[in-house]
PDB file of N, CA and C in Angstrom:
ATOM      1  N   MET A   1      -5.399  -2.398   9.503  1.00  0.00           N
ATOM      2  CA  MET A   1      -4.107  -1.797   9.738  1.00  0.00           C
ATOM      3  C   MET A   1      -3.155  -2.864  10.246  1.00  0.00           C
ATOM      4  N   ARG A   2      -1.869  -2.532  10.215  1.00  0.00           N
ATOM      5  CA  ARG A   2      -0.839  -3.504  10.585  1.00  0.00           C
ATOM      6  C   ARG A   2       0.368  -2.748  11.139  1.00  0.00           C
ATOM      7  N   ILE A   3       1.023  -3.334  12.135  1.00  0.00           N
ATOM      8  CA  ILE A   3       2.231  -2.748  12.710  1.00  0.00           C
ATOM      9  C   ILE A   3       3.349  -2.826  11.674  1.00  0.00           C
ATOM     10  N   ASP A   4       4.027  -1.715  11.472  1.00  0.00           N
ATOM     11  CA  ASP A   4       5.155  -1.650  10.547  1.00  0.00           C
ATOM     12  C   ASP A   4       6.320  -2.432  11.157  1.00  0.00           C
ATOM     13  N   LYS A   5       6.751  -3.483  10.494  1.00  0.00           N
ATOM     14  CA  LYS A   5       7.776  -4.383  11.032  1.00  0.00           C
ATOM     15  C   LYS A   5       9.167  -3.746  11.108  1.00  0.00           C
ATOM     16  N   ARG A   6       9.310  -2.542  10.568  1.00  0.00           N
ATOM     17  CA  ARG A   6      10.610  -1.874  10.695  1.00  0.00           C
ATOM     18  C   ARG A   6      10.860  -1.414  12.129  1.00  0.00           C
ATOM     19  N   HIS A   7       9.825  -1.436  12.944  1.00  0.00           N
ATOM     20  CA  HIS A   7       9.946  -1.017  14.346  1.00  0.00           C
ATOM     21  C   HIS A   7       9.984  -2.251  15.227  1.00  0.00           C
ATOM     22  N   THR A   8      10.848  -2.212  16.231  1.00  0.00           N
ATOM     23  CA  THR A   8      11.007  -3.351  17.126  1.00  0.00           C
ATOM     24  C   THR A   8      10.848  -2.897  18.567  1.00  0.00           C
ATOM     25  N   LEU A   9      10.016  -3.589  19.294  1.00  0.00           N
ATOM     26  CA  LEU A   9       9.853  -3.331  20.717  1.00  0.00           C
ATOM     27  C   LEU A   9      11.045  -3.963  21.430  1.00  0.00           C
ATOM     28  N   ARG A  10      11.721  -3.177  22.235  1.00  0.00           N
ATOM     29  CA  ARG A  10      12.937  -3.657  22.906  1.00  0.00           C
ATOM     30  C   ARG A  10      12.762  -3.640  24.421  1.00  0.00           C
ATOM     31  N   ASP A  11      13.463  -4.531  25.076  1.00  0.00           N
ATOM     32  CA  ASP A  11      13.489  -4.541  26.536  1.00  0.00           C
ATOM     33  C   ASP A  11      14.716  -3.748  26.959  1.00  0.00           C
ATOM     34  N   VAL A  12      14.495  -2.615  27.608  1.00  0.00           N
ATOM     35  CA  VAL A  12      15.585  -1.746  28.064  1.00  0.00           C
ATOM     36  C   VAL A  12      15.487  -1.647  29.580  1.00  0.00           C
ATOM     37  N   VAL A  13      16.396  -2.308  30.251  1.00  0.00           N
ATOM     38  CA  VAL A  13      16.453  -2.337  31.714  1.00  0.00           C
ATOM     39  C   VAL A  13      15.078  -2.684  32.303  1.00  0.00           C
ATOM     40  N   GLY A  14      14.470  -3.737  31.751  1.00  0.00           N
ATOM     41  CA  GLY A  14      13.203  -4.227  32.270  1.00  0.00           C
ATOM     42  C   GLY A  14      11.979  -3.456  31.795  1.00  0.00           C
ATOM     43  N   GLU A  15      12.162  -2.443  30.977  1.00  0.00           N
ATOM     44  CA  GLU A  15      11.045  -1.664  30.437  1.00  0.00           C
ATOM     45  C   GLU A  15      10.931  -1.924  28.950  1.00  0.00           C
ATOM     46  N   LYS A  16       9.720  -1.998  28.446  1.00  0.00           N
ATOM     47  CA  LYS A  16       9.491  -2.177  27.012  1.00  0.00           C
ATOM     48  C   LYS A  16       9.511  -0.802  26.348  1.00  0.00           C
ATOM     49  N   MET A  17      10.388  -0.640  25.370  1.00  0.00           N
ATOM     50  CA  MET A  17      10.568   0.643  24.692  1.00  0.00           C
ATOM     51  C   MET A  17      10.575   0.435  23.185  1.00  0.00           C
ATOM     52  N   LEU A  18      10.035   1.422  22.503  1.00  0.00           N
ATOM     53  CA  LEU A  18      10.081   1.461  21.052  1.00  0.00           C
ATOM     54  C   LEU A  18      10.936   2.652  20.671  1.00  0.00           C
ATOM     55  N   LEU A  19      12.002   2.399  19.921  1.00  0.00           N
ATOM     56  CA  LEU A  19      12.895   3.457  19.473  1.00  0.00           C
ATOM     57  C   LEU A  19      12.558   3.777  18.022  1.00  0.00           C
ATOM     58  N   ILE A  20      12.262   5.045  17.758  1.00  0.00           N
ATOM     59  CA  ILE A  20      11.929   5.477  16.407  1.00  0.00           C
ATOM     60  C   ILE A  20      13.029   6.404  15.940  1.00  0.00           C
ATOM     61  N   GLN A  21      13.844   5.901  15.036  1.00  0.00           N
ATOM     62  CA  GLN A  21      14.982   6.656  14.525  1.00  0.00           C
ATOM     63  C   GLN A  21      14.494   7.782  13.633  1.00  0.00           C
ATOM     64  N   GLY A  22      15.033   8.991  13.826  1.00  0.00           N
ATOM     65  CA  GLY A  22      14.714  10.111  12.955  1.00  0.00           C
ATOM     66  C   GLY A  22      15.120   9.793  11.524  1.00  0.00           C
ATOM     67  N   ARG A  23      14.321  10.224  10.572  1.00  0.00           N
ATOM     68  CA  ARG A  23      14.594   9.903   9.172  1.00  0.00           C
ATOM     69  C   ARG A  23      15.498  10.928   8.498  1.00  0.00           C
ATOM     70  N   THR A  24      15.618  12.107   9.094  1.00  0.00           N
ATOM     71  CA  THR A  24      16.499  13.139   8.530  1.00  0.00           C
ATOM     72  C   THR A  24      17.379  13.664   9.650  1.00  0.00           C
ATOM     73  N   ASP A  25      18.363  14.468   9.293  1.00  0.00           N
ATOM     74  CA  ASP A  25      19.242  15.045  10.310  1.00  0.00           C
ATOM     75  C   ASP A  25      18.480  15.919  11.290  1.00  0.00           C
ATOM     76  N   ALA A  26      17.410  16.550  10.819  1.00  0.00           N
ATOM     77  CA  ALA A  26      16.646  17.459  11.674  1.00  0.00           C
ATOM     78  C   ALA A  26      15.709  16.728  12.628  1.00  0.00           C
ATOM     79  N   GLU A  27      15.359  15.482  12.318  1.00  0.00           N
ATOM     80  CA  GLU A  27      14.445  14.727  13.171  1.00  0.00           C
ATOM     81  C   GLU A  27      15.215  14.030  14.285  1.00  0.00           C
ATOM     82  N   LYS A  28      14.675  14.094  15.441  1.00  0.00           N
ATOM     83  CA  LYS A  28      15.275  13.443  16.604  1.00  0.00           C
ATOM     84  C   LYS A  28      14.752  12.008  16.717  1.00  0.00           C
ATOM     85  N   THR A  29      15.534  11.169  17.342  1.00  0.00           N
ATOM     86  CA  THR A  29      15.077   9.829  17.670  1.00  0.00           C
ATOM     87  C   THR A  29      14.053   9.941  18.787  1.00  0.00           C
ATOM     88  N   LYS A  30      12.949   9.212  18.646  1.00  0.00           N
ATOM     89  CA  LYS A  30      11.891   9.227  19.655  1.00  0.00           C
ATOM     90  C   LYS A  30      11.914   7.904  20.406  1.00  0.00           C
ATOM     91  N   VAL A  31      11.590   7.978  21.680  1.00  0.00           N
ATOM     92  CA  VAL A  31      11.475   6.786  22.504  1.00  0.00           C
ATOM     93  C   VAL A  31      10.060   6.762  23.064  1.00  0.00           C
ATOM     94  N   ILE A  32       9.366   5.661  22.839  1.00  0.00           N
ATOM     95  CA  ILE A  32       8.022   5.493  23.383  1.00  0.00           C
ATOM     96  C   ILE A  32       8.081   4.350  24.382  1.00  0.00           C
ATOM     97  N   ALA A  33       7.726   4.636  25.619  1.00  0.00           N
ATOM     98  CA  ALA A  33       7.686   3.610  26.657  1.00  0.00           C
ATOM     99  C   ALA A  33       6.327   2.915  26.609  1.00  0.00           C
ATOM    100  N   PHE A  34       6.335   1.610  26.654  1.00  0.00           N
ATOM    101  CA  PHE A  34       5.112   0.818  26.631  1.00  0.00           C
ATOM    102  C   PHE A  34       4.846   0.280  28.031  1.00  0.00           C
ATOM    103  N   ASN A  35       3.620   0.431  28.491  1.00  0.00           N
ATOM    104  CA  ASN A  35       3.239  -0.212  29.741  1.00  0.00           C
ATOM    105  C   ASN A  35       2.884  -1.670  29.444  1.00  0.00           C
ATOM    106  N   GLU A  36       2.495  -2.394  30.454  1.00  0.00           N
ATOM    107  CA  GLU A  36       2.222  -3.826  30.301  1.00  0.00           C
ATOM    108  C   GLU A  36       1.147  -4.098  29.249  1.00  0.00           C
ATOM    109  N   SER A  37       0.060  -3.347  29.273  1.00  0.00           N
ATOM    110  CA  SER A  37      -1.022  -3.605  28.327  1.00  0.00           C
ATOM    111  C   SER A  37      -0.632  -3.209  26.906  1.00  0.00           C
ATOM    112  N   SER A  38       0.113  -2.120  26.741  1.00  0.00           N
ATOM    113  CA  SER A  38       0.567  -1.717  25.411  1.00  0.00           C
ATOM    114  C   SER A  38       1.497  -2.765  24.813  1.00  0.00           C
ATOM    115  N   ALA A  39       2.400  -3.289  25.624  1.00  0.00           N
ATOM    116  CA  ALA A  39       3.318  -4.328  25.159  1.00  0.00           C
ATOM    117  C   ALA A  39       2.560  -5.607  24.803  1.00  0.00           C
ATOM    118  N   MET A  40       1.548  -5.948  25.598  1.00  0.00           N
ATOM    119  CA  MET A  40       0.735  -7.137  25.321  1.00  0.00           C
ATOM    120  C   MET A  40       0.020  -6.974  23.978  1.00  0.00           C
ATOM    121  N   LEU A  41      -0.534  -5.774  23.738  1.00  0.00           N
ATOM    122  CA  LEU A  41      -1.216  -5.526  22.467  1.00  0.00           C
ATOM    123  C   LEU A  41      -0.239  -5.616  21.300  1.00  0.00           C
ATOM    124  N   TRP A  42       0.952  -5.060  21.478  1.00  0.00           N
ATOM    125  CA  TRP A  42       1.980  -5.114  20.427  1.00  0.00           C
ATOM    126  C   TRP A  42       2.253  -6.570  20.049  1.00  0.00           C
ATOM    127  N   GLU A  43       2.504  -7.391  21.044  1.00  0.00           N
ATOM    128  CA  GLU A  43       2.802  -8.802  20.801  1.00  0.00           C
ATOM    129  C   GLU A  43       1.606  -9.519  20.163  1.00  0.00           C
ATOM    130  N   ALA A  44       0.403  -9.186  20.606  1.00  0.00           N
ATOM    131  CA  ALA A  44      -0.797  -9.854  20.095  1.00  0.00           C
ATOM    132  C   ALA A  44      -1.063  -9.531  18.625  1.00  0.00           C
ATOM    133  N   PHE A  45      -0.736  -8.308  18.203  1.00  0.00           N
ATOM    134  CA  PHE A  45      -1.094  -7.880  16.851  1.00  0.00           C
ATOM    135  C   PHE A  45       0.089  -7.733  15.898  1.00  0.00           C
ATOM    136  N   LEU A  46       1.279  -8.054  16.351  1.00  0.00           N
ATOM    137  CA  LEU A  46       2.445  -8.037  15.474  1.00  0.00           C
ATOM    138  C   LEU A  46       2.243  -9.078  14.379  1.00  0.00           C
ATOM    139  N   ASP A  47       2.511  -8.707  13.146  1.00  0.00           N
ATOM    140  CA  ASP A  47       2.372  -9.591  11.984  1.00  0.00           C
ATOM    141  C   ASP A  47       0.929  -9.965  11.658  1.00  0.00           C
ATOM    142  N   LYS A  48      -0.042  -9.149  12.117  1.00  0.00           N
ATOM    143  CA  LYS A  48      -1.455  -9.411  11.825  1.00  0.00           C
ATOM    144  C   LYS A  48      -2.139  -8.114  11.437  1.00  0.00           C
ATOM    145  N   ASP A  49      -3.112  -8.222  10.549  1.00  0.00           N
ATOM    146  CA  ASP A  49      -3.999  -7.103  10.307  1.00  0.00           C
ATOM    147  C   ASP A  49      -4.972  -7.042  11.476  1.00  0.00           C
ATOM    148  N   PHE A  50      -5.333  -5.829  11.894  1.00  0.00           N
ATOM    149  CA  PHE A  50      -6.250  -5.691  13.022  1.00  0.00           C
ATOM    150  C   PHE A  50      -7.055  -4.405  12.908  1.00  0.00           C
ATOM    151  N   THR A  51      -8.123  -4.363  13.683  1.00  0.00           N
ATOM    152  CA  THR A  51      -8.986  -3.185  13.760  1.00  0.00           C
ATOM    153  C   THR A  51      -9.005  -2.685  15.202  1.00  0.00           C
ATOM    154  N   VAL A  52      -9.499  -1.486  15.387  1.00  0.00           N
ATOM    155  CA  VAL A  52      -9.650  -0.948  16.739  1.00  0.00           C
ATOM    156  C   VAL A  52     -10.589  -1.834  17.543  1.00  0.00           C
ATOM    157  N   GLU A  53     -11.620  -2.352  16.900  1.00  0.00           N
ATOM    158  CA  GLU A  53     -12.569  -3.244  17.576  1.00  0.00           C
ATOM    159  C   GLU A  53     -11.868  -4.501  18.097  1.00  0.00           C
ATOM    160  N   GLU A  54     -10.950  -5.053  17.319  1.00  0.00           N
ATOM    161  CA  GLU A  54     -10.211  -6.237  17.759  1.00  0.00           C
ATOM    162  C   GLU A  54      -9.281  -5.909  18.926  1.00  0.00           C
ATOM    163  N   VAL A  55      -8.701  -4.727  18.908  1.00  0.00           N
ATOM    164  CA  VAL A  55      -7.855  -4.295  20.028  1.00  0.00           C
ATOM    165  C   VAL A  55      -8.711  -4.172  21.278  1.00  0.00           C
ATOM    166  N   LYS A  56      -9.884  -3.565  21.145  1.00  0.00           N
ATOM    167  CA  LYS A  56     -10.805  -3.438  22.280  1.00  0.00           C
ATOM    168  C   LYS A  56     -11.166  -4.810  22.831  1.00  0.00           C
ATOM    169  N   GLN A  57     -11.483  -5.752  21.951  1.00  0.00           N
ATOM    170  CA  GLN A  57     -11.869  -7.086  22.402  1.00  0.00           C
ATOM    171  C   GLN A  57     -10.721  -7.789  23.119  1.00  0.00           C
ATOM    172  N   LYS A  58      -9.496  -7.598  22.635  1.00  0.00           N
ATOM    173  CA  LYS A  58      -8.332  -8.202  23.301  1.00  0.00           C
ATOM    174  C   LYS A  58      -8.190  -7.656  24.716  1.00  0.00           C
ATOM    175  N   LEU A  59      -8.412  -6.352  24.871  1.00  0.00           N
ATOM    176  CA  LEU A  59      -8.356  -5.755  26.215  1.00  0.00           C
ATOM    177  C   LEU A  59      -9.445  -6.329  27.111  1.00  0.00           C
ATOM    178  N   LEU A  60     -10.649  -6.474  26.575  1.00  0.00           N
ATOM    179  CA  LEU A  60     -11.754  -7.045  27.357  1.00  0.00           C
ATOM    180  C   LEU A  60     -11.462  -8.486  27.757  1.00  0.00           C
ATOM    181  N   ASP A  61     -10.855  -9.243  26.847  1.00  0.00           N
ATOM    182  CA  ASP A  61     -10.556 -10.650  27.117  1.00  0.00           C
ATOM    183  C   ASP A  61      -9.417 -10.823  28.120  1.00  0.00           C
ATOM    184  N   THR A  62      -8.528  -9.832  28.203  1.00  0.00           N
ATOM    185  CA  THR A  62      -7.318  -9.963  29.015  1.00  0.00           C
ATOM    186  C   THR A  62      -7.447  -9.314  30.390  1.00  0.00           C
ATOM    187  N   TYR A  63      -8.160  -8.199  30.457  1.00  0.00           N
ATOM    188  CA  TYR A  63      -8.239  -7.426  31.696  1.00  0.00           C
ATOM    189  C   TYR A  63      -9.685  -7.285  32.154  1.00  0.00           C
ATOM    190  N   GLU A  64      -9.855  -7.056  33.421  1.00  0.00           N
ATOM    191  CA  GLU A  64     -11.189  -6.813  33.972  1.00  0.00           C
ATOM    192  C   GLU A  64     -11.499  -5.325  33.868  1.00  0.00           C
ATOM    193  N   VAL A  65     -11.924  -4.924  32.676  1.00  0.00           N
ATOM    194  CA  VAL A  65     -12.288  -3.531  32.419  1.00  0.00           C
ATOM    195  C   VAL A  65     -13.659  -3.506  31.767  1.00  0.00           C
ATOM    196  N   ASP A  66     -14.339  -2.363  31.900  1.00  0.00           N
ATOM    197  CA  ASP A  66     -15.635  -2.238  31.250  1.00  0.00           C
ATOM    198  C   ASP A  66     -15.434  -1.910  29.768  1.00  0.00           C
ATOM    199  N   GLU A  67     -16.480  -2.062  29.001  1.00  0.00           N
ATOM    200  CA  GLU A  67     -16.401  -1.892  27.553  1.00  0.00           C
ATOM    201  C   GLU A  67     -15.996  -0.474  27.150  1.00  0.00           C
ATOM    202  N   ALA A  68     -16.491   0.527  27.858  1.00  0.00           N
ATOM    203  CA  ALA A  68     -16.149   1.917  27.527  1.00  0.00           C
ATOM    204  C   ALA A  68     -14.663   2.185  27.742  1.00  0.00           C
ATOM    205  N   THR A  69     -14.123   1.673  28.826  1.00  0.00           N
ATOM    206  CA  THR A  69     -12.692   1.850  29.101  1.00  0.00           C
ATOM    207  C   THR A  69     -11.856   1.139  28.048  1.00  0.00           C
ATOM    208  N   ALA A  70     -12.235  -0.091  27.705  1.00  0.00           N
ATOM    209  CA  ALA A  70     -11.507  -0.849  26.686  1.00  0.00           C
ATOM    210  C   ALA A  70     -11.569  -0.135  25.336  1.00  0.00           C
ATOM    211  N   ALA A  71     -12.722   0.403  24.984  1.00  0.00           N
ATOM    212  CA  ALA A  71     -12.864   1.115  23.712  1.00  0.00           C
ATOM    213  C   ALA A  71     -11.991   2.361  23.680  1.00  0.00           C
ATOM    214  N   ASN A  72     -11.989   3.105  24.770  1.00  0.00           N
ATOM    215  CA  ASN A  72     -11.173   4.315  24.857  1.00  0.00           C
ATOM    216  C   ASN A  72      -9.686   3.974  24.790  1.00  0.00           C
ATOM    217  N   ASP A  73      -9.264   2.972  25.549  1.00  0.00           N
ATOM    218  CA  ASP A  73      -7.847   2.581  25.567  1.00  0.00           C
ATOM    219  C   ASP A  73      -7.402   2.047  24.201  1.00  0.00           C
ATOM    220  N   ALA A  74      -8.252   1.271  23.544  1.00  0.00           N
ATOM    221  CA  ALA A  74      -7.926   0.740  22.222  1.00  0.00           C
ATOM    222  C   ALA A  74      -7.764   1.873  21.215  1.00  0.00           C
ATOM    223  N   ALA A  75      -8.698   2.808  21.237  1.00  0.00           N
ATOM    224  CA  ALA A  75      -8.626   3.942  20.311  1.00  0.00           C
ATOM    225  C   ALA A  75      -7.376   4.776  20.562  1.00  0.00           C
ATOM    226  N   GLN A  76      -7.028   4.984  21.820  1.00  0.00           N
ATOM    227  CA  GLN A  76      -5.848   5.777  22.154  1.00  0.00           C
ATOM    228  C   GLN A  76      -4.562   5.069  21.737  1.00  0.00           C
ATOM    229  N   TRP A  77      -4.507   3.756  21.939  1.00  0.00           N
ATOM    230  CA  TRP A  77      -3.322   2.984  21.544  1.00  0.00           C
ATOM    231  C   TRP A  77      -3.106   3.084  20.036  1.00  0.00           C
ATOM    232  N   VAL A  78      -4.173   2.879  19.277  1.00  0.00           N
ATOM    233  CA  VAL A  78      -4.082   2.959  17.818  1.00  0.00           C
ATOM    234  C   VAL A  78      -3.720   4.374  17.379  1.00  0.00           C
ATOM    235  N   LYS A  79      -4.336   5.379  17.980  1.00  0.00           N
ATOM    236  CA  LYS A  79      -4.057   6.777  17.625  1.00  0.00           C
ATOM    237  C   LYS A  79      -2.579   7.114  17.850  1.00  0.00           C
ATOM    238  N   THR A  80      -2.038   6.685  18.971  1.00  0.00           N
ATOM    239  CA  THR A  80      -0.629   6.950  19.277  1.00  0.00           C
ATOM    240  C   THR A  80       0.282   6.298  18.235  1.00  0.00           C
ATOM    241  N   LEU A  81      -0.013   5.053  17.888  1.00  0.00           N
ATOM    242  CA  LEU A  81       0.800   4.379  16.880  1.00  0.00           C
ATOM    243  C   LEU A  81       0.675   5.069  15.517  1.00  0.00           C
ATOM    244  N   GLN A  82      -0.518   5.518  15.170  1.00  0.00           N
ATOM    245  CA  GLN A  82      -0.707   6.225  13.906  1.00  0.00           C
ATOM    246  C   GLN A  82       0.035   7.549  13.890  1.00  0.00           C
ATOM    247  N   GLU A  83      -0.010   8.280  14.998  1.00  0.00           N
ATOM    248  CA  GLU A  83       0.672   9.570  15.074  1.00  0.00           C
ATOM    249  C   GLU A  83       2.174   9.436  14.836  1.00  0.00           C
ATOM    250  N   HIS A  84       2.731   8.327  15.259  1.00  0.00           N
ATOM    251  CA  HIS A  84       4.174   8.097  15.109  1.00  0.00           C
ATOM    252  C   HIS A  84       4.503   7.253  13.880  1.00  0.00           C
ATOM    253  N   LYS A  85       3.480   7.032  13.045  1.00  0.00           N
ATOM    254  CA  LYS A  85       3.654   6.263  11.791  1.00  0.00           C
ATOM    255  C   LYS A  85       4.216   4.870  12.031  1.00  0.00           C
ATOM    256  N   ILE A  86       3.706   4.235  13.088  1.00  0.00           N
ATOM    257  CA  ILE A  86       4.149   2.902  13.454  1.00  0.00           C
ATOM    258  C   ILE A  86       3.232   1.831  12.835  1.00  0.00           C
ATOM    259  N   ILE A  87       2.015   2.219  12.513  1.00  0.00           N
ATOM    260  CA  ILE A  87       1.113   1.267  11.858  1.00  0.00           C
ATOM    261  C   ILE A  87       0.792   1.754  10.463  1.00  0.00           C
ATOM    262  N   LEU A  88       0.597   0.810   9.593  1.00  0.00           N
ATOM    263  CA  LEU A  88       0.297   1.095   8.177  1.00  0.00           C
ATOM    264  C   LEU A  88      -1.187   0.988   7.937  1.00  0.00           C
TER     265      LEU A  88
END
């Protein structure tokens, strides 16, 4: 999978935010706030193909977390991006 480059992570008053413009008049613009680890993952995997396993490994390499926590967080990060059609 790969992050869709049509989306840009922005710094809004010191917070990392992703703005997802509605595609039709009926759809609202969505704002997703990224915490430090989500923003780090975004930067690490932007312009690269990646797997959930690679996301988990990046979390393990960067933070002092156990493997189960890293696996859960990686899966949740990917799921959230998929739900919002941010990754291809």
